[in-house]
Amino acid sequence: MGDQEADTARIKESARALKRVRDTFAERANPADGYGVDDIGSQKTLDAFDAFDSNWKIRRRQLTEELEKLHGITRGAAESYETLDHELAEALRSTDDRQPKGGGK
């Protein structure tokens, strides 16, 4: 079995980045909200934005849910690695404390 190493700082940063992306998705709405035909230029374009908005709400909710899951997984992974590392270190220290001192076998 090879050496295992987890960069928990990087995993935590990934979790934070996923949360930021998730929050951005959750907050973004139709880019044409609040604008009328005079602002956009044509009813056809405004209708396209409205159709986009309906689809975007569904997709945005799905993406937001998936991003939240990924955030939880990465955050949980970092916490698990840290807990495992701490428990392993404690077990090794405990074993070291029980070894005879002075080089005897």
N, C-alpha and C. Protein backbone atom coordinates (compact mmCIF):
# COMPACT_ATOMS: atom_id res chain seq x y z
N MET A 1 0.85 -1.17 0.00
CA MET A 1 0.00 0.00 0.00
C MET A 1 0.90 1.23 0.00
N GLY A 2 0.58 2.23 -0.83
CA GLY A 2 1.38 3.44 -0.94
C GLY A 2 1.09 4.43 0.16
N ASP A 3 1.92 5.43 0.23
CA ASP A 3 1.72 6.51 1.20
C ASP A 3 0.48 7.29 0.83
N GLN A 4 -0.28 7.69 1.83
CA GLN A 4 -1.48 8.48 1.62
C GLN A 4 -1.28 9.85 2.25
N GLU A 5 -1.64 10.87 1.53
CA GLU A 5 -1.52 12.22 2.06
C GLU A 5 -2.70 13.04 1.55
N ALA A 6 -3.32 13.77 2.44
CA ALA A 6 -4.45 14.62 2.05
C ALA A 6 -4.08 16.07 2.36
N ASP A 7 -4.26 16.93 1.40
CA ASP A 7 -4.02 18.36 1.60
C ASP A 7 -5.34 18.96 2.09
N THR A 8 -5.53 18.90 3.40
CA THR A 8 -6.81 19.33 3.97
C THR A 8 -7.06 20.82 3.74
N ALA A 9 -6.02 21.61 3.72
CA ALA A 9 -6.21 23.05 3.46
C ALA A 9 -6.79 23.25 2.06
N ARG A 10 -6.29 22.50 1.12
CA ARG A 10 -6.79 22.63 -0.25
C ARG A 10 -8.21 22.10 -0.38
N ILE A 11 -8.49 21.01 0.32
CA ILE A 11 -9.85 20.46 0.30
C ILE A 11 -10.82 21.46 0.93
N LYS A 12 -10.41 22.09 2.04
CA LYS A 12 -11.27 23.10 2.68
C LYS A 12 -11.50 24.28 1.75
N GLU A 13 -10.45 24.72 1.06
CA GLU A 13 -10.60 25.84 0.13
C GLU A 13 -11.55 25.45 -1.01
N SER A 14 -11.46 24.21 -1.47
CA SER A 14 -12.39 23.74 -2.50
C SER A 14 -13.82 23.79 -1.99
N ALA A 15 -14.02 23.39 -0.75
CA ALA A 15 -15.37 23.44 -0.16
C ALA A 15 -15.87 24.88 -0.10
N ARG A 16 -15.00 25.81 0.32
CA ARG A 16 -15.40 27.22 0.38
C ARG A 16 -15.71 27.76 -1.01
N ALA A 17 -14.90 27.38 -2.00
CA ALA A 17 -15.12 27.84 -3.37
C ALA A 17 -16.44 27.31 -3.91
N LEU A 18 -16.73 26.05 -3.63
CA LEU A 18 -18.01 25.48 -4.07
C LEU A 18 -19.17 26.21 -3.42
N LYS A 19 -19.03 26.59 -2.17
CA LYS A 19 -20.09 27.33 -1.49
C LYS A 19 -20.28 28.70 -2.15
N ARG A 20 -19.17 29.36 -2.50
CA ARG A 20 -19.29 30.67 -3.18
C ARG A 20 -20.00 30.53 -4.52
N VAL A 21 -19.65 29.50 -5.28
CA VAL A 21 -20.30 29.27 -6.57
C VAL A 21 -21.77 28.98 -6.35
N ARG A 22 -22.08 28.14 -5.37
CA ARG A 22 -23.47 27.81 -5.05
C ARG A 22 -24.25 29.05 -4.67
N ASP A 23 -23.67 29.90 -3.83
CA ASP A 23 -24.35 31.13 -3.42
C ASP A 23 -24.59 32.06 -4.61
N THR A 24 -23.63 32.13 -5.51
CA THR A 24 -23.79 32.96 -6.71
C THR A 24 -24.93 32.44 -7.57
N PHE A 25 -24.96 31.13 -7.77
CA PHE A 25 -26.05 30.54 -8.55
C PHE A 25 -27.39 30.80 -7.89
N ALA A 26 -27.46 30.69 -6.59
CA ALA A 26 -28.73 30.85 -5.87
C ALA A 26 -29.25 32.29 -5.98
N GLU A 27 -28.34 33.25 -6.11
CA GLU A 27 -28.73 34.66 -6.12
C GLU A 27 -29.02 35.21 -7.51
N ARG A 28 -28.51 34.56 -8.55
CA ARG A 28 -28.65 35.10 -9.90
C ARG A 28 -30.04 34.85 -10.46
N ALA A 29 -30.61 35.89 -11.02
CA ALA A 29 -31.94 35.79 -11.62
C ALA A 29 -31.84 36.11 -13.11
N ASN A 30 -32.97 36.29 -13.72
CA ASN A 30 -33.05 36.65 -15.12
C ASN A 30 -32.32 37.98 -15.33
N PRO A 31 -31.34 38.01 -16.23
CA PRO A 31 -30.60 39.26 -16.44
C PRO A 31 -31.45 40.38 -17.02
N ALA A 32 -32.64 40.06 -17.54
CA ALA A 32 -33.51 41.09 -18.12
C ALA A 32 -34.58 41.56 -17.14
N ASP A 33 -34.57 41.02 -15.91
CA ASP A 33 -35.57 41.46 -14.93
C ASP A 33 -35.52 42.97 -14.75
N GLY A 34 -36.69 43.57 -14.77
CA GLY A 34 -36.78 45.01 -14.56
C GLY A 34 -36.66 45.83 -15.83
N TYR A 35 -36.41 45.17 -16.94
CA TYR A 35 -36.27 45.88 -18.21
C TYR A 35 -37.48 45.62 -19.09
N GLY A 36 -37.83 46.59 -19.89
CA GLY A 36 -38.94 46.46 -20.83
C GLY A 36 -38.45 46.47 -22.26
N VAL A 37 -39.39 46.51 -23.18
CA VAL A 37 -39.07 46.50 -24.61
C VAL A 37 -38.19 47.70 -24.97
N ASP A 38 -38.47 48.86 -24.39
CA ASP A 38 -37.67 50.05 -24.69
C ASP A 38 -36.22 49.86 -24.27
N ASP A 39 -36.01 49.15 -23.19
CA ASP A 39 -34.64 48.93 -22.71
C ASP A 39 -33.91 47.84 -23.50
N ILE A 40 -34.63 46.77 -23.79
CA ILE A 40 -34.03 45.61 -24.45
C ILE A 40 -33.93 45.80 -25.96
N GLY A 41 -34.93 46.43 -26.54
CA GLY A 41 -34.87 46.70 -27.97
C GLY A 41 -35.95 46.03 -28.79
N SER A 42 -36.46 44.90 -28.32
CA SER A 42 -37.53 44.24 -29.07
C SER A 42 -38.30 43.30 -28.16
N GLN A 43 -39.56 43.08 -28.51
CA GLN A 43 -40.39 42.15 -27.73
C GLN A 43 -39.87 40.73 -27.89
N LYS A 44 -39.36 40.41 -29.08
CA LYS A 44 -38.84 39.07 -29.33
C LYS A 44 -37.67 38.76 -28.38
N THR A 45 -36.79 39.70 -28.22
CA THR A 45 -35.65 39.51 -27.31
C THR A 45 -36.14 39.40 -25.87
N LEU A 46 -37.10 40.24 -25.50
CA LEU A 46 -37.67 40.19 -24.15
C LEU A 46 -38.35 38.85 -23.91
N ASP A 47 -39.07 38.33 -24.91
CA ASP A 47 -39.72 37.02 -24.80
C ASP A 47 -38.67 35.91 -24.63
N ALA A 48 -37.58 36.05 -25.35
CA ALA A 48 -36.50 35.05 -25.24
C ALA A 48 -35.93 35.04 -23.82
N PHE A 49 -35.75 36.22 -23.24
CA PHE A 49 -35.27 36.30 -21.86
C PHE A 49 -36.29 35.69 -20.90
N ASP A 50 -37.57 35.89 -21.14
CA ASP A 50 -38.60 35.31 -20.29
C ASP A 50 -38.57 33.78 -20.37
N ALA A 51 -38.43 33.25 -21.59
CA ALA A 51 -38.33 31.79 -21.76
C ALA A 51 -37.08 31.27 -21.08
N PHE A 52 -35.99 32.00 -21.25
CA PHE A 52 -34.73 31.63 -20.59
C PHE A 52 -34.93 31.63 -19.08
N ASP A 53 -35.62 32.63 -18.56
CA ASP A 53 -35.83 32.76 -17.12
C ASP A 53 -36.55 31.54 -16.55
N SER A 54 -37.59 31.07 -17.23
CA SER A 54 -38.32 29.91 -16.75
C SER A 54 -37.42 28.68 -16.68
N ASN A 55 -36.67 28.45 -17.74
CA ASN A 55 -35.75 27.30 -17.78
C ASN A 55 -34.61 27.50 -16.79
N TRP A 56 -34.09 28.71 -16.70
CA TRP A 56 -32.98 29.01 -15.82
C TRP A 56 -33.34 28.76 -14.36
N LYS A 57 -34.56 29.10 -13.96
CA LYS A 57 -34.98 28.87 -12.57
C LYS A 57 -34.90 27.39 -12.22
N ILE A 58 -35.37 26.55 -13.13
CA ILE A 58 -35.33 25.10 -12.90
C ILE A 58 -33.88 24.62 -12.85
N ARG A 59 -33.10 24.98 -13.84
CA ARG A 59 -31.69 24.55 -13.91
C ARG A 59 -30.88 25.12 -12.75
N ARG A 60 -31.13 26.36 -12.43
CA ARG A 60 -30.39 27.00 -11.35
C ARG A 60 -30.65 26.27 -10.03
N ARG A 61 -31.90 25.90 -9.78
CA ARG A 61 -32.23 25.17 -8.56
C ARG A 61 -31.51 23.82 -8.54
N GLN A 62 -31.50 23.13 -9.67
CA GLN A 62 -30.81 21.84 -9.75
C GLN A 62 -29.30 22.00 -9.53
N LEU A 63 -28.72 22.99 -10.19
CA LEU A 63 -27.28 23.24 -10.03
C LEU A 63 -26.95 23.65 -8.59
N THR A 64 -27.80 24.45 -8.02
CA THR A 64 -27.58 24.89 -6.64
C THR A 64 -27.60 23.70 -5.69
N GLU A 65 -28.54 22.80 -5.89
CA GLU A 65 -28.62 21.61 -5.04
C GLU A 65 -27.38 20.73 -5.20
N GLU A 66 -26.93 20.54 -6.43
CA GLU A 66 -25.73 19.73 -6.68
C GLU A 66 -24.49 20.38 -6.08
N LEU A 67 -24.38 21.69 -6.23
CA LEU A 67 -23.24 22.40 -5.65
C LEU A 67 -23.25 22.30 -4.12
N GLU A 68 -24.43 22.36 -3.53
CA GLU A 68 -24.54 22.22 -2.07
C GLU A 68 -24.08 20.82 -1.63
N LYS A 69 -24.45 19.80 -2.40
CA LYS A 69 -24.01 18.44 -2.09
C LYS A 69 -22.49 18.33 -2.17
N LEU A 70 -21.91 18.88 -3.26
CA LEU A 70 -20.46 18.83 -3.42
C LEU A 70 -19.75 19.59 -2.30
N HIS A 71 -20.31 20.71 -1.91
CA HIS A 71 -19.75 21.48 -0.80
C HIS A 71 -19.74 20.62 0.46
N GLY A 72 -20.85 19.96 0.75
CA GLY A 72 -20.92 19.10 1.93
C GLY A 72 -19.94 17.94 1.88
N ILE A 73 -19.80 17.35 0.71
CA ILE A 73 -18.87 16.22 0.56
C ILE A 73 -17.44 16.67 0.80
N THR A 74 -17.03 17.78 0.18
CA THR A 74 -15.64 18.23 0.34
C THR A 74 -15.38 18.71 1.76
N ARG A 75 -16.33 19.41 2.35
CA ARG A 75 -16.16 19.85 3.75
C ARG A 75 -16.06 18.63 4.66
N GLY A 76 -16.93 17.66 4.45
CA GLY A 76 -16.89 16.44 5.25
C GLY A 76 -15.60 15.65 5.07
N ALA A 77 -15.10 15.63 3.84
CA ALA A 77 -13.83 14.93 3.59
C ALA A 77 -12.69 15.58 4.36
N ALA A 78 -12.62 16.89 4.33
CA ALA A 78 -11.56 17.59 5.06
C ALA A 78 -11.66 17.30 6.56
N GLU A 79 -12.87 17.35 7.09
CA GLU A 79 -13.06 17.08 8.52
C GLU A 79 -12.69 15.64 8.84
N SER A 80 -13.06 14.70 7.98
CA SER A 80 -12.74 13.29 8.21
C SER A 80 -11.23 13.05 8.19
N TYR A 81 -10.55 13.65 7.20
CA TYR A 81 -9.10 13.49 7.13
C TYR A 81 -8.43 14.05 8.38
N GLU A 82 -8.88 15.21 8.82
CA GLU A 82 -8.28 15.80 10.02
C GLU A 82 -8.54 14.93 11.26
N THR A 83 -9.74 14.42 11.39
CA THR A 83 -10.08 13.56 12.53
C THR A 83 -9.23 12.29 12.49
N LEU A 84 -9.15 11.67 11.32
CA LEU A 84 -8.36 10.46 11.17
C LEU A 84 -6.89 10.72 11.48
N ASP A 85 -6.37 11.82 10.98
CA ASP A 85 -4.97 12.18 11.24
C ASP A 85 -4.73 12.37 12.73
N HIS A 86 -5.65 13.05 13.40
CA HIS A 86 -5.52 13.29 14.84
C HIS A 86 -5.57 11.96 15.61
N GLU A 87 -6.53 11.10 15.25
CA GLU A 87 -6.66 9.82 15.94
C GLU A 87 -5.45 8.93 15.71
N LEU A 88 -4.92 8.92 14.50
CA LEU A 88 -3.73 8.14 14.20
C LEU A 88 -2.53 8.66 14.99
N ALA A 89 -2.39 9.97 15.02
CA ALA A 89 -1.28 10.56 15.78
C ALA A 89 -1.39 10.19 17.26
N GLU A 90 -2.60 10.26 17.81
CA GLU A 90 -2.81 9.88 19.21
C GLU A 90 -2.46 8.42 19.44
N ALA A 91 -2.87 7.54 18.54
CA ALA A 91 -2.58 6.12 18.67
C ALA A 91 -1.08 5.86 18.61
N LEU A 92 -0.38 6.55 17.71
CA LEU A 92 1.07 6.39 17.61
C LEU A 92 1.78 6.91 18.86
N ARG A 93 1.32 8.05 19.38
CA ARG A 93 1.92 8.58 20.61
C ARG A 93 1.69 7.60 21.77
N SER A 94 0.53 7.02 21.83
CA SER A 94 0.21 6.07 22.88
C SER A 94 1.12 4.85 22.79
N THR A 95 1.35 4.38 21.56
CA THR A 95 2.24 3.24 21.36
C THR A 95 3.67 3.61 21.73
N ASP A 96 4.10 4.81 21.35
CA ASP A 96 5.45 5.27 21.69
C ASP A 96 5.64 5.33 23.20
N ASP A 97 4.60 5.77 23.92
CA ASP A 97 4.69 5.88 25.37
C ASP A 97 4.86 4.53 26.03
N ARG A 98 4.40 3.45 25.40
CA ARG A 98 4.48 2.12 25.98
C ARG A 98 5.77 1.40 25.63
N GLN A 99 6.56 1.96 24.70
CA GLN A 99 7.83 1.34 24.31
C GLN A 99 8.86 1.55 25.40
N PRO A 100 9.71 0.55 25.65
CA PRO A 100 10.77 0.71 26.64
C PRO A 100 11.75 1.79 26.21
N LYS A 101 12.22 2.54 27.17
CA LYS A 101 13.19 3.61 26.90
C LYS A 101 14.60 3.06 26.91
N GLY A 102 15.48 3.72 26.18
CA GLY A 102 16.90 3.38 26.25
C GLY A 102 17.35 2.32 25.26
N GLY A 103 16.60 2.01 24.26
CA GLY A 103 17.07 1.14 23.19
C GLY A 103 16.95 -0.34 23.48
N GLY A 104 16.39 -0.76 24.59
CA GLY A 104 16.22 -2.19 24.87
C GLY A 104 15.12 -2.79 24.04
N LYS A 105 15.22 -4.11 23.83
CA LYS A 105 14.21 -4.80 23.03
C LYS A 105 13.28 -5.58 23.89
